[in-house]
Amino acid sequence: MKFNPCKGGAWCEDTGTHCNGCGRSHKEIAETKVLIKGLVEFAQKQDYENPEDFAQFIGETLARKLQKP
């Protein structure tokens, strides 16, 4: 399955089982929001002065770990 990022705004559709904008299931979207919320809360709790570096580290680490068999 190919990931399609949210287009936001008027594209989003919350009826049915999938969003008409990105095509992802509402369950997948909800689970992703929970993950993001957890990362935001963690970074805020740590009170990082450079949250963009934390976000970049998370993205790069995730991509690297997904490429390993």
PDB file of N, CA and C in Angstrom:
ATOM      1  N   MET A   1       0.840  -1.171   0.000  1.00  0.00           N
ATOM      2  CA  MET A   1       0.000   0.000   0.000  1.00  0.00           C
ATOM      3  C   MET A   1       0.890   1.241   0.000  1.00  0.00           C
ATOM      4  N   LYS A   2       0.552   2.213  -0.794  1.00  0.00           N
ATOM      5  CA  LYS A   2       1.306   3.459  -0.859  1.00  0.00           C
ATOM      6  C   LYS A   2       0.707   4.465   0.119  1.00  0.00           C
ATOM      7  N   PHE A   3       1.575   5.153   0.869  1.00  0.00           N
ATOM      8  CA  PHE A   3       1.115   6.190   1.793  1.00  0.00           C
ATOM      9  C   PHE A   3       0.807   7.459   1.018  1.00  0.00           C
ATOM     10  N   ASN A   4      -0.335   8.042   1.294  1.00  0.00           N
ATOM     11  CA  ASN A   4      -0.715   9.328   0.722  1.00  0.00           C
ATOM     12  C   ASN A   4      -0.948  10.299   1.871  1.00  0.00           C
ATOM     13  N   PRO A   5      -0.170  11.376   1.940  1.00  0.00           N
ATOM     14  CA  PRO A   5      -0.341  12.319   3.040  1.00  0.00           C
ATOM     15  C   PRO A   5      -1.670  13.060   2.943  1.00  0.00           C
ATOM     16  N   CYS A   6      -2.119  13.544   4.085  1.00  0.00           N
ATOM     17  CA  CYS A   6      -3.369  14.295   4.154  1.00  0.00           C
ATOM     18  C   CYS A   6      -3.247  15.575   3.333  1.00  0.00           C
ATOM     19  N   LYS A   7      -4.300  15.892   2.593  1.00  0.00           N
ATOM     20  CA  LYS A   7      -4.332  17.132   1.825  1.00  0.00           C
ATOM     21  C   LYS A   7      -4.940  18.262   2.647  1.00  0.00           C
ATOM     22  N   GLY A   8      -5.658  17.905   3.715  1.00  0.00           N
ATOM     23  CA  GLY A   8      -6.232  18.884   4.632  1.00  0.00           C
ATOM     24  C   GLY A   8      -7.384  19.685   4.057  1.00  0.00           C
ATOM     25  N   GLY A   9      -7.965  20.472   4.912  1.00  0.00           N
ATOM     26  CA  GLY A   9      -9.028  21.388   4.525  1.00  0.00           C
ATOM     27  C   GLY A   9     -10.215  20.748   3.851  1.00  0.00           C
ATOM     28  N   ALA A  10     -10.623  21.332   2.739  1.00  0.00           N
ATOM     29  CA  ALA A  10     -11.819  20.898   2.017  1.00  0.00           C
ATOM     30  C   ALA A  10     -11.669  19.504   1.416  1.00  0.00           C
ATOM     31  N   TRP A  11     -10.449  19.003   1.303  1.00  0.00           N
ATOM     32  CA  TRP A  11     -10.225  17.673   0.740  1.00  0.00           C
ATOM     33  C   TRP A  11     -10.673  16.571   1.694  1.00  0.00           C
ATOM     34  N   CYS A  12     -10.587  16.852   2.997  1.00  0.00           N
ATOM     35  CA  CYS A  12     -10.879  15.825   4.000  1.00  0.00           C
ATOM     36  C   CYS A  12     -12.356  15.458   4.014  1.00  0.00           C
ATOM     37  N   GLU A  13     -12.593  14.186   4.189  1.00  0.00           N
ATOM     38  CA  GLU A  13     -13.954  13.651   4.216  1.00  0.00           C
ATOM     39  C   GLU A  13     -14.022  12.633   5.340  1.00  0.00           C
ATOM     40  N   ASP A  14     -14.945  12.831   6.282  1.00  0.00           N
ATOM     41  CA  ASP A  14     -15.007  11.911   7.417  1.00  0.00           C
ATOM     42  C   ASP A  14     -16.200  10.959   7.373  1.00  0.00           C
ATOM     43  N   THR A  15     -16.870  10.879   6.248  1.00  0.00           N
ATOM     44  CA  THR A  15     -17.950   9.909   6.106  1.00  0.00           C
ATOM     45  C   THR A  15     -17.405   8.663   5.422  1.00  0.00           C
ATOM     46  N   GLY A  16     -18.102   7.549   5.584  1.00  0.00           N
ATOM     47  CA  GLY A  16     -17.636   6.307   4.979  1.00  0.00           C
ATOM     48  C   GLY A  16     -16.451   5.741   5.733  1.00  0.00           C
ATOM     49  N   THR A  17     -15.727   4.851   5.094  1.00  0.00           N
ATOM     50  CA  THR A  17     -14.596   4.191   5.752  1.00  0.00           C
ATOM     51  C   THR A  17     -13.258   4.828   5.420  1.00  0.00           C
ATOM     52  N   HIS A  18     -13.192   5.573   4.312  1.00  0.00           N
ATOM     53  CA  HIS A  18     -11.932   6.167   3.865  1.00  0.00           C
ATOM     54  C   HIS A  18     -12.131   7.642   3.526  1.00  0.00           C
ATOM     55  N   CYS A  19     -11.071   8.415   3.680  1.00  0.00           N
ATOM     56  CA  CYS A  19     -11.087   9.829   3.322  1.00  0.00           C
ATOM     57  C   CYS A  19     -11.052   9.953   1.798  1.00  0.00           C
ATOM     58  N   ASN A  20     -11.872  10.812   1.260  1.00  0.00           N
ATOM     59  CA  ASN A  20     -11.869  11.025  -0.192  1.00  0.00           C
ATOM     60  C   ASN A  20     -10.653  11.831  -0.646  1.00  0.00           C
ATOM     61  N   GLY A  21     -10.029  12.561   0.266  1.00  0.00           N
ATOM     62  CA  GLY A  21      -8.869  13.371  -0.088  1.00  0.00           C
ATOM     63  C   GLY A  21      -7.595  12.566  -0.250  1.00  0.00           C
ATOM     64  N   CYS A  22      -7.257  11.782   0.782  1.00  0.00           N
ATOM     65  CA  CYS A  22      -5.993  11.036   0.746  1.00  0.00           C
ATOM     66  C   CYS A  22      -6.198   9.548   0.484  1.00  0.00           C
ATOM     67  N   GLY A  23      -7.418   9.058   0.655  1.00  0.00           N
ATOM     68  CA  GLY A  23      -7.713   7.652   0.404  1.00  0.00           C
ATOM     69  C   GLY A  23      -7.388   6.719   1.556  1.00  0.00           C
ATOM     70  N   ARG A  24      -6.843   7.270   2.646  1.00  0.00           N
ATOM     71  CA  ARG A  24      -6.517   6.422   3.794  1.00  0.00           C
ATOM     72  C   ARG A  24      -7.772   6.142   4.616  1.00  0.00           C
ATOM     73  N   SER A  25      -7.746   5.023   5.329  1.00  0.00           N
ATOM     74  CA  SER A  25      -8.895   4.692   6.173  1.00  0.00           C
ATOM     75  C   SER A  25      -8.940   5.659   7.354  1.00  0.00           C
ATOM     76  N   HIS A  26     -10.143   5.867   7.868  1.00  0.00           N
ATOM     77  CA  HIS A  26     -10.286   6.745   9.027  1.00  0.00           C
ATOM     78  C   HIS A  26      -9.583   6.147  10.243  1.00  0.00           C
ATOM     79  N   LYS A  27      -9.511   4.828  10.311  1.00  0.00           N
ATOM     80  CA  LYS A  27      -8.792   4.156  11.402  1.00  0.00           C
ATOM     81  C   LYS A  27      -7.296   4.475  11.315  1.00  0.00           C
ATOM     82  N   GLU A  28      -6.733   4.391  10.120  1.00  0.00           N
ATOM     83  CA  GLU A  28      -5.308   4.704   9.936  1.00  0.00           C
ATOM     84  C   GLU A  28      -5.028   6.157  10.295  1.00  0.00           C
ATOM     85  N   ILE A  29      -5.892   7.055   9.858  1.00  0.00           N
ATOM     86  CA  ILE A  29      -5.718   8.482  10.147  1.00  0.00           C
ATOM     87  C   ILE A  29      -5.757   8.720  11.652  1.00  0.00           C
ATOM     88  N   ALA A  30      -6.715   8.090  12.336  1.00  0.00           N
ATOM     89  CA  ALA A  30      -6.841   8.255  13.787  1.00  0.00           C
ATOM     90  C   ALA A  30      -5.609   7.722  14.510  1.00  0.00           C
ATOM     91  N   GLU A  31      -5.107   6.562  14.096  1.00  0.00           N
ATOM     92  CA  GLU A  31      -3.918   5.986  14.734  1.00  0.00           C
ATOM     93  C   GLU A  31      -2.691   6.865  14.500  1.00  0.00           C
ATOM     94  N   THR A  32      -2.579   7.435  13.308  1.00  0.00           N
ATOM     95  CA  THR A  32      -1.457   8.324  13.001  1.00  0.00           C
ATOM     96  C   THR A  32      -1.515   9.569  13.878  1.00  0.00           C
ATOM     97  N   LYS A  33      -2.717  10.111  14.066  1.00  0.00           N
ATOM     98  CA  LYS A  33      -2.875  11.293  14.921  1.00  0.00           C
ATOM     99  C   LYS A  33      -2.444  10.998  16.351  1.00  0.00           C
ATOM    100  N   VAL A  34      -2.754   9.800  16.851  1.00  0.00           N
ATOM    101  CA  VAL A  34      -2.347   9.414  18.207  1.00  0.00           C
ATOM    102  C   VAL A  34      -0.821   9.367  18.305  1.00  0.00           C
ATOM    103  N   LEU A  35      -0.174   8.789  17.294  1.00  0.00           N
ATOM    104  CA  LEU A  35       1.292   8.717  17.287  1.00  0.00           C
ATOM    105  C   LEU A  35       1.912  10.115  17.278  1.00  0.00           C
ATOM    106  N   ILE A  36       1.404  10.983  16.414  1.00  0.00           N
ATOM    107  CA  ILE A  36       1.928  12.347  16.303  1.00  0.00           C
ATOM    108  C   ILE A  36       1.705  13.103  17.609  1.00  0.00           C
ATOM    109  N   LYS A  37       0.505  12.967  18.170  1.00  0.00           N
ATOM    110  CA  LYS A  37       0.203  13.648  19.434  1.00  0.00           C
ATOM    111  C   LYS A  37       1.178  13.210  20.520  1.00  0.00           C
ATOM    112  N   GLY A  38       1.486  11.918  20.575  1.00  0.00           N
ATOM    113  CA  GLY A  38       2.434  11.413  21.564  1.00  0.00           C
ATOM    114  C   GLY A  38       3.822  11.995  21.383  1.00  0.00           C
ATOM    115  N   LEU A  39       4.266  12.103  20.137  1.00  0.00           N
ATOM    116  CA  LEU A  39       5.586  12.687  19.868  1.00  0.00           C
ATOM    117  C   LEU A  39       5.623  14.167  20.243  1.00  0.00           C
ATOM    118  N   VAL A  40       4.552  14.885  19.934  1.00  0.00           N
ATOM    119  CA  VAL A  40       4.479  16.309  20.281  1.00  0.00           C
ATOM    120  C   VAL A  40       4.508  16.483  21.794  1.00  0.00           C
ATOM    121  N   GLU A  41       3.703  15.693  22.500  1.00  0.00           N
ATOM    122  CA  GLU A  41       3.671  15.791  23.961  1.00  0.00           C
ATOM    123  C   GLU A  41       5.033  15.464  24.568  1.00  0.00           C
ATOM    124  N   PHE A  42       5.708  14.445  24.019  1.00  0.00           N
ATOM    125  CA  PHE A  42       7.038  14.082  24.514  1.00  0.00           C
ATOM    126  C   PHE A  42       8.017  15.233  24.311  1.00  0.00           C
ATOM    127  N   ALA A  43       8.039  15.804  23.114  1.00  0.00           N
ATOM    128  CA  ALA A  43       8.970  16.899  22.821  1.00  0.00           C
ATOM    129  C   ALA A  43       8.672  18.113  23.695  1.00  0.00           C
ATOM    130  N   GLN A  44       7.387  18.391  23.918  1.00  0.00           N
ATOM    131  CA  GLN A  44       7.026  19.522  24.772  1.00  0.00           C
ATOM    132  C   GLN A  44       7.444  19.268  26.219  1.00  0.00           C
ATOM    133  N   LYS A  45       7.279  18.032  26.690  1.00  0.00           N
ATOM    134  CA  LYS A  45       7.672  17.678  28.056  1.00  0.00           C
ATOM    135  C   LYS A  45       9.186  17.843  28.237  1.00  0.00           C
ATOM    136  N   GLN A  46       9.947  17.506  27.192  1.00  0.00           N
ATOM    137  CA  GLN A  46      11.403  17.649  27.256  1.00  0.00           C
ATOM    138  C   GLN A  46      11.827  19.111  27.150  1.00  0.00           C
ATOM    139  N   ASP A  47      10.916  19.949  26.658  1.00  0.00           N
ATOM    140  CA  ASP A  47      11.169  21.384  26.494  1.00  0.00           C
ATOM    141  C   ASP A  47      12.398  21.647  25.620  1.00  0.00           C
ATOM    142  N   TYR A  48      12.478  20.900  24.508  1.00  0.00           N
ATOM    143  CA  TYR A  48      13.586  21.094  23.574  1.00  0.00           C
ATOM    144  C   TYR A  48      13.575  22.519  23.034  1.00  0.00           C
ATOM    145  N   GLU A  49      14.735  23.128  22.960  1.00  0.00           N
ATOM    146  CA  GLU A  49      14.827  24.455  22.358  1.00  0.00           C
ATOM    147  C   GLU A  49      14.983  24.357  20.838  1.00  0.00           C
ATOM    148  N   ASN A  50      15.174  23.131  20.341  1.00  0.00           N
ATOM    149  CA  ASN A  50      15.324  22.904  18.900  1.00  0.00           C
ATOM    150  C   ASN A  50      14.395  21.756  18.452  1.00  0.00           C
ATOM    151  N   PRO A  51      13.082  21.938  18.558  1.00  0.00           N
ATOM    152  CA  PRO A  51      12.158  20.852  18.228  1.00  0.00           C
ATOM    153  C   PRO A  51      12.242  20.399  16.773  1.00  0.00           C
ATOM    154  N   GLU A  52      12.683  21.271  15.896  1.00  0.00           N
ATOM    155  CA  GLU A  52      12.807  20.880  14.490  1.00  0.00           C
ATOM    156  C   GLU A  52      13.894  19.817  14.316  1.00  0.00           C
ATOM    157  N   ASP A  53      14.940  19.874  15.130  1.00  0.00           N
ATOM    158  CA  ASP A  53      15.978  18.839  15.084  1.00  0.00           C
ATOM    159  C   ASP A  53      15.439  17.505  15.597  1.00  0.00           C
ATOM    160  N   PHE A  54      14.613  17.553  16.636  1.00  0.00           N
ATOM    161  CA  PHE A  54      13.978  16.339  17.149  1.00  0.00           C
ATOM    162  C   PHE A  54      13.094  15.724  16.066  1.00  0.00           C
ATOM    163  N   ALA A  55      12.286  16.553  15.407  1.00  0.00           N
ATOM    164  CA  ALA A  55      11.392  16.059  14.357  1.00  0.00           C
ATOM    165  C   ALA A  55      12.188  15.442  13.206  1.00  0.00           C
ATOM    166  N   GLN A  56      13.279  16.083  12.819  1.00  0.00           N
ATOM    167  CA  GLN A  56      14.119  15.553  11.746  1.00  0.00           C
ATOM    168  C   GLN A  56      14.742  14.223  12.162  1.00  0.00           C
ATOM    169  N   PHE A  57      15.212  14.126  13.397  1.00  0.00           N
ATOM    170  CA  PHE A  57      15.795  12.892  13.912  1.00  0.00           C
ATOM    171  C   PHE A  57      14.770  11.762  13.879  1.00  0.00           C
ATOM    172  N   ILE A  58      13.555  12.030  14.318  1.00  0.00           N
ATOM    173  CA  ILE A  58      12.504  11.012  14.328  1.00  0.00           C
ATOM    174  C   ILE A  58      12.225  10.539  12.899  1.00  0.00           C
ATOM    175  N   GLY A  59      12.080  11.471  11.967  1.00  0.00           N
ATOM    176  CA  GLY A  59      11.803  11.110  10.579  1.00  0.00           C
ATOM    177  C   GLY A  59      12.917  10.285   9.954  1.00  0.00           C
ATOM    178  N   GLU A  60      14.154  10.714  10.156  1.00  0.00           N
ATOM    179  CA  GLU A  60      15.293   9.992   9.583  1.00  0.00           C
ATOM    180  C   GLU A  60      15.457   8.607  10.212  1.00  0.00           C
ATOM    181  N   THR A  61      15.265   8.524  11.524  1.00  0.00           N
ATOM    182  CA  THR A  61      15.389   7.238  12.215  1.00  0.00           C
ATOM    183  C   THR A  61      14.308   6.276  11.755  1.00  0.00           C
ATOM    184  N   LEU A  62      13.096   6.761  11.644  1.00  0.00           N
ATOM    185  CA  LEU A  62      11.988   5.924  11.183  1.00  0.00           C
ATOM    186  C   LEU A  62      12.254   5.408   9.770  1.00  0.00           C
ATOM    187  N   ALA A  63      12.669   6.294   8.875  1.00  0.00           N
ATOM    188  CA  ALA A  63      12.946   5.887   7.494  1.00  0.00           C
ATOM    189  C   ALA A  63      14.055   4.838   7.441  1.00  0.00           C
ATOM    190  N   ARG A  64      15.101   5.038   8.228  1.00  0.00           N
ATOM    191  CA  ARG A  64      16.217   4.091   8.250  1.00  0.00           C
ATOM    192  C   ARG A  64      15.767   2.726   8.774  1.00  0.00           C
ATOM    193  N   LYS A  65      14.989   2.707   9.840  1.00  0.00           N
ATOM    194  CA  LYS A  65      14.536   1.440  10.418  1.00  0.00           C
ATOM    195  C   LYS A  65      13.543   0.720   9.506  1.00  0.00           C
ATOM    196  N   LEU A  66      12.778   1.441   8.726  1.00  0.00           N
ATOM    197  CA  LEU A  66      11.838   0.819   7.793  1.00  0.00           C
ATOM    198  C   LEU A  66      12.550   0.188   6.602  1.00  0.00           C
ATOM    199  N   GLN A  67      13.764   0.644   6.293  1.00  0.00           N
ATOM    200  CA  GLN A  67      14.518   0.102   5.162  1.00  0.00           C
ATOM    201  C   GLN A  67      15.262  -1.173   5.511  1.00  0.00           C
ATOM    202  N   LYS A  68      15.461  -1.436   6.801  1.00  0.00           N
ATOM    203  CA  LYS A  68      16.174  -2.651   7.215  1.00  0.00           C
ATOM    204  C   LYS A  68      15.234  -3.848   7.124  1.00  0.00           C
ATOM    205  N   PRO A  69      15.756  -4.983   6.615  1.00  0.00           N
ATOM    206  CA  PRO A  69      14.895  -6.178   6.499  1.00  0.00           C
ATOM    207  C   PRO A  69      14.545  -6.788   7.842  1.00  0.00           C
TER     208      PRO A  69
END
